[in-house]
Amino acid sequence: MSVDASKGHKEMDYPEHLRTYSAFIQFTKVSIILLVILLSAMAFFLVR
């Protein structure tokens, strides 16, 4: 992913911003997967 920083603020740290955004997206994906697993396990074990 590339960002055109030519029109941005000079003090903005774009590489750090992109690393933070990527980490947030990765955390969100992992959280959703874990929640799906948890809800599936609850449906399987608690609704029998």
PDB file of N, CA and C in Angstrom:
ATOM      1  N   MET A   1       0.848  -1.163   0.000  1.00  0.00           N
ATOM      2  CA  MET A   1       0.000   0.000   0.000  1.00  0.00           C
ATOM      3  C   MET A   1       0.897   1.231   0.000  1.00  0.00           C
ATOM      4  N   SER A   2       0.675   2.108  -0.931  1.00  0.00           N
ATOM      5  CA  SER A   2       1.480   3.324  -0.992  1.00  0.00           C
ATOM      6  C   SER A   2       0.578   4.534  -0.789  1.00  0.00           C
ATOM      7  N   VAL A   3       1.160   5.550  -0.206  1.00  0.00           N
ATOM      8  CA  VAL A   3       0.419   6.770   0.092  1.00  0.00           C
ATOM      9  C   VAL A   3       1.163   7.944  -0.518  1.00  0.00           C
ATOM     10  N   ASP A   4       0.426   8.812  -1.192  1.00  0.00           N
ATOM     11  CA  ASP A   4       1.016  10.023  -1.732  1.00  0.00           C
ATOM     12  C   ASP A   4       1.055  11.062  -0.611  1.00  0.00           C
ATOM     13  N   ALA A   5       2.234  11.255  -0.034  1.00  0.00           N
ATOM     14  CA  ALA A   5       2.385  12.166   1.099  1.00  0.00           C
ATOM     15  C   ALA A   5       2.774  13.569   0.657  1.00  0.00           C
ATOM     16  N   SER A   6       2.758  13.847  -0.624  1.00  0.00           N
ATOM     17  CA  SER A   6       3.205  15.152  -1.099  1.00  0.00           C
ATOM     18  C   SER A   6       2.274  16.288  -0.662  1.00  0.00           C
ATOM     19  N   LYS A   7       0.994  15.982  -0.466  1.00  0.00           N
ATOM     20  CA  LYS A   7       0.046  17.017  -0.051  1.00  0.00           C
ATOM     21  C   LYS A   7      -0.241  16.976   1.444  1.00  0.00           C
ATOM     22  N   GLY A   8       0.409  16.074   2.153  1.00  0.00           N
ATOM     23  CA  GLY A   8       0.175  15.926   3.587  1.00  0.00           C
ATOM     24  C   GLY A   8       1.024  16.882   4.407  1.00  0.00           C
ATOM     25  N   HIS A   9       0.765  16.844   5.703  1.00  0.00           N
ATOM     26  CA  HIS A   9       1.522  17.684   6.637  1.00  0.00           C
ATOM     27  C   HIS A   9       2.944  17.158   6.752  1.00  0.00           C
ATOM     28  N   LYS A  10       3.907  18.048   6.845  1.00  0.00           N
ATOM     29  CA  LYS A  10       5.326  17.662   6.864  1.00  0.00           C
ATOM     30  C   LYS A  10       5.682  16.804   8.072  1.00  0.00           C
ATOM     31  N   GLU A  11       4.997  17.024   9.198  1.00  0.00           N
ATOM     32  CA  GLU A  11       5.343  16.306  10.418  1.00  0.00           C
ATOM     33  C   GLU A  11       4.609  14.966  10.554  1.00  0.00           C
ATOM     34  N   MET A  12       3.741  14.650   9.631  1.00  0.00           N
ATOM     35  CA  MET A  12       3.005  13.396   9.694  1.00  0.00           C
ATOM     36  C   MET A  12       3.939  12.235   9.362  1.00  0.00           C
ATOM     37  N   ASP A  13       3.948  11.235  10.230  1.00  0.00           N
ATOM     38  CA  ASP A  13       4.788  10.051  10.050  1.00  0.00           C
ATOM     39  C   ASP A  13       3.966   8.968   9.341  1.00  0.00           C
ATOM     40  N   TYR A  14       3.924   9.021   8.005  1.00  0.00           N
ATOM     41  CA  TYR A  14       3.073   8.107   7.232  1.00  0.00           C
ATOM     42  C   TYR A  14       3.452   6.637   7.396  1.00  0.00           C
ATOM     43  N   PRO A  15       4.725   6.285   7.408  1.00  0.00           N
ATOM     44  CA  PRO A  15       5.041   4.856   7.605  1.00  0.00           C
ATOM     45  C   PRO A  15       4.522   4.316   8.947  1.00  0.00           C
ATOM     46  N   GLU A  16       4.635   5.110   9.990  1.00  0.00           N
ATOM     47  CA  GLU A  16       4.132   4.672  11.298  1.00  0.00           C
ATOM     48  C   GLU A  16       2.609   4.578  11.286  1.00  0.00           C
ATOM     49  N   HIS A  17       1.973   5.511  10.627  1.00  0.00           N
ATOM     50  CA  HIS A  17       0.510   5.476  10.501  1.00  0.00           C
ATOM     51  C   HIS A  17       0.072   4.201   9.784  1.00  0.00           C
ATOM     52  N   LEU A  18       0.752   3.842   8.710  1.00  0.00           N
ATOM     53  CA  LEU A  18       0.402   2.638   7.959  1.00  0.00           C
ATOM     54  C   LEU A  18       0.655   1.375   8.780  1.00  0.00           C
ATOM     55  N   ARG A  19       1.734   1.345   9.569  1.00  0.00           N
ATOM     56  CA  ARG A  19       1.993   0.186  10.433  1.00  0.00           C
ATOM     57  C   ARG A  19       0.902   0.046  11.478  1.00  0.00           C
ATOM     58  N   THR A  20       0.481   1.164  12.061  1.00  0.00           N
ATOM     59  CA  THR A  20      -0.574   1.127  13.067  1.00  0.00           C
ATOM     60  C   THR A  20      -1.887   0.664  12.454  1.00  0.00           C
ATOM     61  N   TYR A  21      -2.222   1.167  11.288  1.00  0.00           N
ATOM     62  CA  TYR A  21      -3.451   0.776  10.605  1.00  0.00           C
ATOM     63  C   TYR A  21      -3.424  -0.708  10.251  1.00  0.00           C
ATOM     64  N   SER A  22      -2.295  -1.194   9.755  1.00  0.00           N
ATOM     65  CA  SER A  22      -2.176  -2.613   9.417  1.00  0.00           C
ATOM     66  C   SER A  22      -2.335  -3.490  10.655  1.00  0.00           C
ATOM     67  N   ALA A  23      -1.752  -3.077  11.764  1.00  0.00           N
ATOM     68  CA  ALA A  23      -1.889  -3.838  13.010  1.00  0.00           C
ATOM     69  C   ALA A  23      -3.346  -3.847  13.478  1.00  0.00           C
ATOM     70  N   PHE A  24      -4.033  -2.732  13.352  1.00  0.00           N
ATOM     71  CA  PHE A  24      -5.444  -2.654  13.732  1.00  0.00           C
ATOM     72  C   PHE A  24      -6.287  -3.591  12.874  1.00  0.00           C
ATOM     73  N   ILE A  25      -6.050  -3.605  11.570  1.00  0.00           N
ATOM     74  CA  ILE A  25      -6.803  -4.475  10.671  1.00  0.00           C
ATOM     75  C   ILE A  25      -6.524  -5.936  11.008  1.00  0.00           C
ATOM     76  N   GLN A  26      -5.277  -6.287  11.263  1.00  0.00           N
ATOM     77  CA  GLN A  26      -4.921  -7.655  11.623  1.00  0.00           C
ATOM     78  C   GLN A  26      -5.597  -8.060  12.929  1.00  0.00           C
ATOM     79  N   PHE A  27      -5.589  -7.190  13.929  1.00  0.00           N
ATOM     80  CA  PHE A  27      -6.251  -7.462  15.205  1.00  0.00           C
ATOM     81  C   PHE A  27      -7.748  -7.678  15.000  1.00  0.00           C
ATOM     82  N   THR A  28      -8.369  -6.868  14.155  1.00  0.00           N
ATOM     83  CA  THR A  28      -9.793  -6.987  13.884  1.00  0.00           C
ATOM     84  C   THR A  28     -10.117  -8.330  13.231  1.00  0.00           C
ATOM     85  N   LYS A  29      -9.310  -8.734  12.261  1.00  0.00           N
ATOM     86  CA  LYS A  29      -9.528 -10.015  11.586  1.00  0.00           C
ATOM     87  C   LYS A  29      -9.420 -11.179  12.569  1.00  0.00           C
ATOM     88  N   VAL A  30      -8.381 -11.172  13.390  1.00  0.00           N
ATOM     89  CA  VAL A  30      -8.177 -12.244  14.357  1.00  0.00           C
ATOM     90  C   VAL A  30      -9.315 -12.259  15.376  1.00  0.00           C
ATOM     91  N   SER A  31      -9.758 -11.104  15.819  1.00  0.00           N
ATOM     92  CA  SER A  31     -10.850 -11.023  16.785  1.00  0.00           C
ATOM     93  C   SER A  31     -12.142 -11.597  16.211  1.00  0.00           C
ATOM     94  N   ILE A  32     -12.441 -11.275  14.970  1.00  0.00           N
ATOM     95  CA  ILE A  32     -13.651 -11.797  14.333  1.00  0.00           C
ATOM     96  C   ILE A  32     -13.582 -13.310  14.215  1.00  0.00           C
ATOM     97  N   ILE A  33     -12.438 -13.833  13.810  1.00  0.00           N
ATOM     98  CA  ILE A  33     -12.285 -15.287  13.691  1.00  0.00           C
ATOM     99  C   ILE A  33     -12.471 -15.960  15.047  1.00  0.00           C
ATOM    100  N   LEU A  34     -11.860 -15.409  16.085  1.00  0.00           N
ATOM    101  CA  LEU A  34     -11.999 -15.994  17.420  1.00  0.00           C
ATOM    102  C   LEU A  34     -13.438 -15.921  17.922  1.00  0.00           C
ATOM    103  N   LEU A  35     -14.138 -14.845  17.627  1.00  0.00           N
ATOM    104  CA  LEU A  35     -15.539 -14.732  18.036  1.00  0.00           C
ATOM    105  C   LEU A  35     -16.411 -15.743  17.304  1.00  0.00           C
ATOM    106  N   VAL A  36     -16.151 -15.973  16.038  1.00  0.00           N
ATOM    107  CA  VAL A  36     -16.904 -16.981  15.287  1.00  0.00           C
ATOM    108  C   VAL A  36     -16.665 -18.368  15.882  1.00  0.00           C
ATOM    109  N   ILE A  37     -15.429 -18.666  16.222  1.00  0.00           N
ATOM    110  CA  ILE A  37     -15.109 -19.958  16.842  1.00  0.00           C
ATOM    111  C   ILE A  37     -15.812 -20.081  18.194  1.00  0.00           C
ATOM    112  N   LEU A  38     -15.760 -19.035  18.992  1.00  0.00           N
ATOM    113  CA  LEU A  38     -16.401 -19.053  20.311  1.00  0.00           C
ATOM    114  C   LEU A  38     -17.907 -19.250  20.190  1.00  0.00           C
ATOM    115  N   LEU A  39     -18.549 -18.503  19.304  1.00  0.00           N
ATOM    116  CA  LEU A  39     -19.994 -18.629  19.144  1.00  0.00           C
ATOM    117  C   LEU A  39     -20.376 -19.998  18.590  1.00  0.00           C
ATOM    118  N   SER A  40     -19.568 -20.538  17.696  1.00  0.00           N
ATOM    119  CA  SER A  40     -19.836 -21.879  17.173  1.00  0.00           C
ATOM    120  C   SER A  40     -19.720 -22.922  18.279  1.00  0.00           C
ATOM    121  N   ALA A  41     -18.701 -22.802  19.092  1.00  0.00           N
ATOM    122  CA  ALA A  41     -18.522 -23.743  20.211  1.00  0.00           C
ATOM    123  C   ALA A  41     -19.669 -23.623  21.204  1.00  0.00           C
ATOM    124  N   MET A  42     -20.107 -22.397  21.476  1.00  0.00           N
ATOM    125  CA  MET A  42     -21.236 -22.207  22.388  1.00  0.00           C
ATOM    126  C   MET A  42     -22.509 -22.832  21.811  1.00  0.00           C
ATOM    127  N   ALA A  43     -22.743 -22.649  20.518  1.00  0.00           N
ATOM    128  CA  ALA A  43     -23.926 -23.234  19.885  1.00  0.00           C
ATOM    129  C   ALA A  43     -23.856 -24.764  19.929  1.00  0.00           C
ATOM    130  N   PHE A  44     -22.687 -25.303  19.719  1.00  0.00           N
ATOM    131  CA  PHE A  44     -22.538 -26.757  19.699  1.00  0.00           C
ATOM    132  C   PHE A  44     -22.690 -27.356  21.100  1.00  0.00           C
ATOM    133  N   PHE A  45     -22.030 -26.764  22.095  1.00  0.00           N
ATOM    134  CA  PHE A  45     -21.998 -27.365  23.429  1.00  0.00           C
ATOM    135  C   PHE A  45     -23.146 -26.947  24.339  1.00  0.00           C
ATOM    136  N   LEU A  46     -23.732 -25.804  24.112  1.00  0.00           N
ATOM    137  CA  LEU A  46     -24.766 -25.315  25.036  1.00  0.00           C
ATOM    138  C   LEU A  46     -26.202 -25.542  24.546  1.00  0.00           C
ATOM    139  N   VAL A  47     -26.362 -25.870  23.270  1.00  0.00           N
ATOM    140  CA  VAL A  47     -27.704 -25.995  22.719  1.00  0.00           C
ATOM    141  C   VAL A  47     -28.006 -27.461  22.402  1.00  0.00           C
ATOM    142  N   ARG A  48     -27.370 -28.361  23.061  1.00  0.00           N
ATOM    143  CA  ARG A  48     -27.605 -29.784  22.807  1.00  0.00           C
ATOM    144  C   ARG A  48     -28.660 -30.308  23.705  1.00  0.00           C
TER     145      ARG A  48
END
